[in-house]
Amino acid sequence: MARRRQLSFMRRRSSNRTLALFAVVFFLTLTLAPPIKHYFTQRAQISALHAQLNSDNKALEAARKELLLWQDPEYVKSQARERLHFVLPGERQYIVTEGNATATTTNTKVANSLTDGQPWYTRLIASISEAG
């Protein structure tokens, strides 16, 4: 009988130790979980900011290259010709559009009615009003 009490006491003691161990592990988990979560959250934010910084640096470098292009007078002339359809004095510009024959004859009439020597905005307004 004494042997049973001793075994029962040892089982209770080992279960108490196990319970105490689980309680300590649980307490440590509760204590350490928020700082660890914050650490990983901050690491993710830092990684995202590094990626954004790299992207912004690439965009800045592209903008610097474009700025250098715009400082070249020949590039500015070419862009004015391409984007705004500007021509130098004495030149005549032809814009080819796809369409049917009636649209082509209308465009030709409008182009013939425009006189040279007028500012571009006057010719623009005239072409819009004549085209209908």
C-alpha atoms as a PDB file:
ATOM      1  CA  MET A   1       0.000   0.000   0.000  1.00  0.00           C
ATOM      2  CA  ALA A   2       2.863   2.320   0.764  1.00  0.00           C
ATOM      3  CA  ARG A   3       4.207   1.475  -2.628  1.00  0.00           C
ATOM      4  CA  ARG A   4       0.940   2.566  -4.267  1.00  0.00           C
ATOM      5  CA  ARG A   5       0.998   5.859  -2.377  1.00  0.00           C
ATOM      6  CA  GLN A   6       4.542   6.448  -3.454  1.00  0.00           C
ATOM      7  CA  LEU A   7       3.690   5.703  -7.147  1.00  0.00           C
ATOM      8  CA  SER A   8       0.615   7.892  -6.907  1.00  0.00           C
ATOM      9  CA  PHE A   9       2.683  10.699  -5.381  1.00  0.00           C
ATOM     10  CA  MET A  10       5.312  10.332  -8.125  1.00  0.00           C
ATOM     11  CA  ARG A  11       2.647  10.409 -10.848  1.00  0.00           C
ATOM     12  CA  ARG A  12       1.113  13.496  -9.305  1.00  0.00           C
ATOM     13  CA  ARG A  13       4.543  15.063  -8.952  1.00  0.00           C
ATOM     14  CA  SER A  14       5.453  14.317 -12.598  1.00  0.00           C
ATOM     15  CA  SER A  15       2.060  15.587 -13.774  1.00  0.00           C
ATOM     16  CA  ASN A  16       2.604  18.720 -11.662  1.00  0.00           C
ATOM     17  CA  ARG A  17       6.014  19.169 -13.246  1.00  0.00           C
ATOM     18  CA  THR A  18       4.523  18.687 -16.695  1.00  0.00           C
ATOM     19  CA  LEU A  19       1.772  21.155 -15.900  1.00  0.00           C
ATOM     20  CA  ALA A  20       4.320  23.667 -14.578  1.00  0.00           C
ATOM     21  CA  LEU A  21       6.444  23.191 -17.711  1.00  0.00           C
ATOM     22  CA  PHE A  22       3.439  23.775 -19.959  1.00  0.00           C
ATOM     23  CA  ALA A  23       2.498  26.841 -17.912  1.00  0.00           C
ATOM     24  CA  VAL A  24       6.014  28.280 -18.296  1.00  0.00           C
ATOM     25  CA  VAL A  25       6.053  27.573 -22.038  1.00  0.00           C
ATOM     26  CA  PHE A  26       2.582  29.097 -22.418  1.00  0.00           C
ATOM     27  CA  PHE A  27       3.618  32.189 -20.450  1.00  0.00           C
ATOM     28  CA  LEU A  28       6.782  32.586 -22.537  1.00  0.00           C
ATOM     29  CA  THR A  29       4.748  32.192 -25.720  1.00  0.00           C
ATOM     30  CA  LEU A  30       2.309  34.879 -24.594  1.00  0.00           C
ATOM     31  CA  THR A  31       5.176  37.142 -23.593  1.00  0.00           C
ATOM     32  CA  LEU A  32       7.329  36.677 -26.688  1.00  0.00           C
ATOM     33  CA  ALA A  33       4.664  36.415 -29.414  1.00  0.00           C
ATOM     34  CA  PRO A  34       3.846  40.147 -29.818  1.00  0.00           C
ATOM     35  CA  PRO A  35       7.477  41.319 -30.097  1.00  0.00           C
ATOM     36  CA  ILE A  36       8.236  38.555 -32.578  1.00  0.00           C
ATOM     37  CA  LYS A  37       5.147  39.483 -34.595  1.00  0.00           C
ATOM     38  CA  HIS A  38       6.213  43.142 -34.593  1.00  0.00           C
ATOM     39  CA  TYR A  39       9.713  42.157 -35.667  1.00  0.00           C
ATOM     40  CA  PHE A  40       8.463  40.235 -38.713  1.00  0.00           C
ATOM     41  CA  THR A  41       5.956  42.967 -39.558  1.00  0.00           C
ATOM     42  CA  GLN A  42       8.708  45.578 -39.471  1.00  0.00           C
ATOM     43  CA  ARG A  43      10.998  43.401 -41.579  1.00  0.00           C
ATOM     44  CA  ALA A  44       8.228  43.107 -44.181  1.00  0.00           C
ATOM     45  CA  GLN A  45       7.748  46.897 -44.142  1.00  0.00           C
ATOM     46  CA  ILE A  46      11.479  47.434 -44.526  1.00  0.00           C
ATOM     47  CA  SER A  47      11.566  45.057 -47.495  1.00  0.00           C
ATOM     48  CA  ALA A  48       8.616  46.862 -49.107  1.00  0.00           C
ATOM     49  CA  LEU A  49      10.296  50.231 -48.569  1.00  0.00           C
ATOM     50  CA  HIS A  50      13.547  48.953 -50.089  1.00  0.00           C
ATOM     51  CA  ALA A  51      11.632  47.744 -53.148  1.00  0.00           C
ATOM     52  CA  GLN A  52       9.859  51.093 -53.439  1.00  0.00           C
ATOM     53  CA  LEU A  53      13.176  52.927 -53.058  1.00  0.00           C
ATOM     54  CA  ASN A  54      14.721  50.865 -55.863  1.00  0.00           C
ATOM     55  CA  SER A  55      11.715  51.565 -58.073  1.00  0.00           C
ATOM     56  CA  ASP A  56      11.852  55.294 -57.309  1.00  0.00           C
ATOM     57  CA  ASN A  57      15.591  55.388 -58.027  1.00  0.00           C
ATOM     58  CA  LYS A  58      15.006  53.757 -61.428  1.00  0.00           C
ATOM     59  CA  ALA A  59      12.255  56.277 -62.210  1.00  0.00           C
ATOM     60  CA  LEU A  60      14.519  59.130 -61.135  1.00  0.00           C
ATOM     61  CA  GLU A  61      17.314  57.882 -63.365  1.00  0.00           C
ATOM     62  CA  ALA A  62      14.899  57.630 -66.305  1.00  0.00           C
ATOM     63  CA  ALA A  63      13.687  61.185 -65.630  1.00  0.00           C
ATOM     64  CA  ARG A  64      17.280  62.446 -65.529  1.00  0.00           C
ATOM     65  CA  LYS A  65      17.999  60.809 -68.881  1.00  0.00           C
ATOM     66  CA  GLU A  66      14.869  62.366 -70.365  1.00  0.00           C
ATOM     67  CA  LEU A  67      15.863  65.758 -68.960  1.00  0.00           C
ATOM     68  CA  LEU A  68      19.220  65.463 -70.697  1.00  0.00           C
ATOM     69  CA  LEU A  69      17.408  64.672 -73.936  1.00  0.00           C
ATOM     70  CA  TRP A  70      15.186  67.735 -73.593  1.00  0.00           C
ATOM     71  CA  GLN A  71      18.248  69.959 -73.197  1.00  0.00           C
ATOM     72  CA  ASP A  72      19.302  69.069 -76.752  1.00  0.00           C
ATOM     73  CA  PRO A  73      17.750  71.554 -79.254  1.00  0.00           C
ATOM     74  CA  GLU A  74      17.596  68.938 -82.020  1.00  0.00           C
ATOM     75  CA  TYR A  75      15.583  66.599 -79.803  1.00  0.00           C
ATOM     76  CA  VAL A  76      13.171  69.431 -78.959  1.00  0.00           C
ATOM     77  CA  LYS A  77      12.724  70.156 -82.687  1.00  0.00           C
ATOM     78  CA  SER A  78      12.072  66.506 -83.449  1.00  0.00           C
ATOM     79  CA  GLN A  79       9.533  66.229 -80.641  1.00  0.00           C
ATOM     80  CA  ALA A  80       7.767  69.414 -81.781  1.00  0.00           C
ATOM     81  CA  ARG A  81       7.539  67.998 -85.281  1.00  0.00           C
ATOM     82  CA  GLU A  82       6.348  64.587 -84.122  1.00  0.00           C
ATOM     83  CA  ARG A  83       3.973  65.485 -81.308  1.00  0.00           C
ATOM     84  CA  LEU A  84       2.672  68.924 -82.298  1.00  0.00           C
ATOM     85  CA  HIS A  85       3.087  68.616 -86.078  1.00  0.00           C
ATOM     86  CA  PHE A  86       5.146  71.804 -86.263  1.00  0.00           C
ATOM     87  CA  VAL A  87       6.994  72.606 -89.480  1.00  0.00           C
ATOM     88  CA  LEU A  88       9.789  75.014 -90.219  1.00  0.00           C
ATOM     89  CA  PRO A  89       9.041  78.124 -92.304  1.00  0.00           C
ATOM     90  CA  GLY A  90       8.839  77.255 -95.975  1.00  0.00           C
ATOM     91  CA  GLU A  91       8.016  73.582 -95.369  1.00  0.00           C
ATOM     92  CA  ARG A  92       4.658  72.009 -96.111  1.00  0.00           C
ATOM     93  CA  GLN A  93       3.372  69.183 -93.987  1.00  0.00           C
ATOM     94  CA  TYR A  94       1.178  66.382 -95.222  1.00  0.00           C
ATOM     95  CA  ILE A  95      -0.719  64.162 -92.821  1.00  0.00           C
ATOM     96  CA  VAL A  96      -1.878  60.893 -94.311  1.00  0.00           C
ATOM     97  CA  THR A  97      -5.004  59.447 -92.771  1.00  0.00           C
ATOM     98  CA  GLU A  98      -6.738  56.220 -93.592  1.00  0.00           C
ATOM     99  CA  GLY A  99     -10.283  56.522 -94.820  1.00  0.00           C
ATOM    100  CA  ASN A 100     -12.570  56.516 -97.805  1.00  0.00           C
ATOM    101  CA  ALA A 101     -12.329  58.739-100.890  1.00  0.00           C
ATOM    102  CA  THR A 102     -14.823  61.369 -99.657  1.00  0.00           C
ATOM    103  CA  ALA A 103     -12.769  61.987 -96.525  1.00  0.00           C
ATOM    104  CA  THR A 104      -9.655  62.385 -98.664  1.00  0.00           C
ATOM    105  CA  THR A 105     -11.276  64.982-100.903  1.00  0.00           C
ATOM    106  CA  THR A 106     -12.580  66.879 -97.868  1.00  0.00           C
ATOM    107  CA  ASN A 107      -9.107  66.874 -96.303  1.00  0.00           C
ATOM    108  CA  THR A 108      -7.605  68.087 -99.576  1.00  0.00           C
ATOM    109  CA  LYS A 109     -10.136  70.947 -99.796  1.00  0.00           C
ATOM    110  CA  VAL A 110      -9.377  71.995 -96.234  1.00  0.00           C
ATOM    111  CA  ALA A 111      -5.628  71.798 -96.815  1.00  0.00           C
ATOM    112  CA  ASN A 112      -5.875  73.864-100.017  1.00  0.00           C
ATOM    113  CA  SER A 113      -7.968  76.558 -98.351  1.00  0.00           C
ATOM    114  CA  LEU A 114      -5.377  77.175 -95.628  1.00  0.00           C
ATOM    115  CA  THR A 115      -2.925  79.926 -96.437  1.00  0.00           C
ATOM    116  CA  ASP A 116       0.713  79.980 -95.475  1.00  0.00           C
ATOM    117  CA  GLY A 117       2.084  82.723 -93.284  1.00  0.00           C
ATOM    118  CA  GLN A 118      -0.684  82.542 -90.730  1.00  0.00           C
ATOM    119  CA  PRO A 119       0.000  81.459 -87.150  1.00  0.00           C
ATOM    120  CA  TRP A 120      -0.612  77.795 -86.470  1.00  0.00           C
ATOM    121  CA  TYR A 121      -3.542  78.467 -84.139  1.00  0.00           C
ATOM    122  CA  THR A 122      -5.355  80.495 -86.802  1.00  0.00           C
ATOM    123  CA  ARG A 123      -4.895  77.669 -89.274  1.00  0.00           C
ATOM    124  CA  LEU A 124      -6.095  75.193 -86.657  1.00  0.00           C
ATOM    125  CA  ILE A 125      -9.293  77.126 -86.008  1.00  0.00           C
ATOM    126  CA  ALA A 126      -9.875  77.566 -89.729  1.00  0.00           C
ATOM    127  CA  SER A 127      -9.401  73.881 -90.434  1.00  0.00           C
ATOM    128  CA  ILE A 128     -11.804  72.905 -87.645  1.00  0.00           C
ATOM    129  CA  SER A 129     -14.483  75.335 -88.806  1.00  0.00           C
ATOM    130  CA  GLU A 130     -14.126  74.343 -92.469  1.00  0.00           C
ATOM    131  CA  ALA A 131     -14.121  70.624 -91.727  1.00  0.00           C
ATOM    132  CA  GLY A 132     -17.440  71.033 -89.975  1.00  0.00           C
END
